[in-house]
Amino acid sequence: MGRQDLVCARCSGLVIEGRCPTCRASREYLRRNSVTLSPQLLLAILAVVMVLTALAVRHAT
């Protein structure tokens, strides 16, 4: 279930459509507080994991 599936309790519409003020406020709140992973961040995390794995292998031998 994602953000696009949320239904507003006030107007029974999809929150992503923003039909009423409550929908629009909820949609804005979700937009501000969502975590997005950029490709650069994913590559940095992958690089750190690879370095840590290499260090662990080297230390084990």
Protein backbone atom coordinates (compact mmCIF):
# COMPACT_ATOMS: atom_id res chain seq x y z
CA MET A 1 0.00 0.00 0.00
CA GLY A 2 1.45 3.32 -1.02
CA ARG A 3 0.62 6.98 -0.76
CA GLN A 4 -1.50 6.80 -3.89
CA ASP A 5 -3.91 4.39 -2.13
CA LEU A 6 -4.72 6.57 0.90
CA VAL A 7 -8.36 7.68 1.16
CA CYS A 8 -9.46 10.88 2.91
CA ALA A 9 -11.86 10.44 5.83
CA ARG A 10 -13.46 13.80 5.11
CA CYS A 11 -14.33 13.58 1.41
CA SER A 12 -13.72 9.87 0.66
CA GLY A 13 -11.47 10.83 -2.24
CA LEU A 14 -7.90 9.79 -2.87
CA VAL A 15 -5.51 11.94 -0.85
CA ILE A 16 -3.17 12.25 -3.82
CA GLU A 17 -5.95 14.01 -5.79
CA GLY A 18 -6.26 16.77 -3.15
CA ARG A 19 -10.01 17.33 -3.41
CA CYS A 20 -10.52 19.03 -0.04
CA PRO A 21 -8.29 21.14 2.28
CA THR A 22 -7.65 18.09 4.47
CA CYS A 23 -6.49 16.08 1.45
CA ARG A 24 -4.21 18.87 0.30
CA ALA A 25 -2.70 19.28 3.78
CA SER A 26 -2.13 15.54 4.11
CA ARG A 27 -0.63 15.34 0.63
CA GLU A 28 1.76 18.21 1.43
CA TYR A 29 2.72 16.60 4.75
CA LEU A 30 3.47 13.29 3.03
CA ARG A 31 5.45 15.05 0.32
CA ARG A 32 7.62 16.89 2.86
CA ASN A 33 8.23 13.90 5.11
CA SER A 34 8.87 11.23 2.52
CA VAL A 35 12.33 9.75 2.28
CA THR A 36 13.74 9.53 -1.19
CA LEU A 37 16.99 7.83 -2.03
CA SER A 38 18.95 9.47 -4.79
CA PRO A 39 21.14 7.38 -7.07
CA GLN A 40 24.21 9.09 -5.60
CA LEU A 41 23.20 8.09 -2.08
CA LEU A 42 22.60 4.50 -3.15
CA LEU A 43 26.03 4.36 -4.80
CA ALA A 44 27.67 5.79 -1.68
CA ILE A 45 25.94 3.20 0.53
CA LEU A 46 26.99 0.43 -1.85
CA ALA A 47 30.60 1.67 -1.82
CA VAL A 48 30.66 1.73 1.99
CA VAL A 49 29.25 -1.81 2.16
CA MET A 50 31.84 -3.04 -0.34
CA VAL A 51 34.71 -1.45 1.61
CA LEU A 52 33.46 -2.90 4.89
CA THR A 53 33.11 -6.34 3.28
CA ALA A 54 36.64 -6.14 1.88
CA LEU A 55 38.00 -5.14 5.29
CA ALA A 56 36.14 -7.99 6.99
CA VAL A 57 37.50 -10.53 4.48
CA ARG A 58 41.03 -9.19 4.81
CA HIS A 59 40.82 -9.24 8.61
CA ALA A 60 39.49 -12.82 8.63
CA THR A 61 42.50 -14.16 6.71
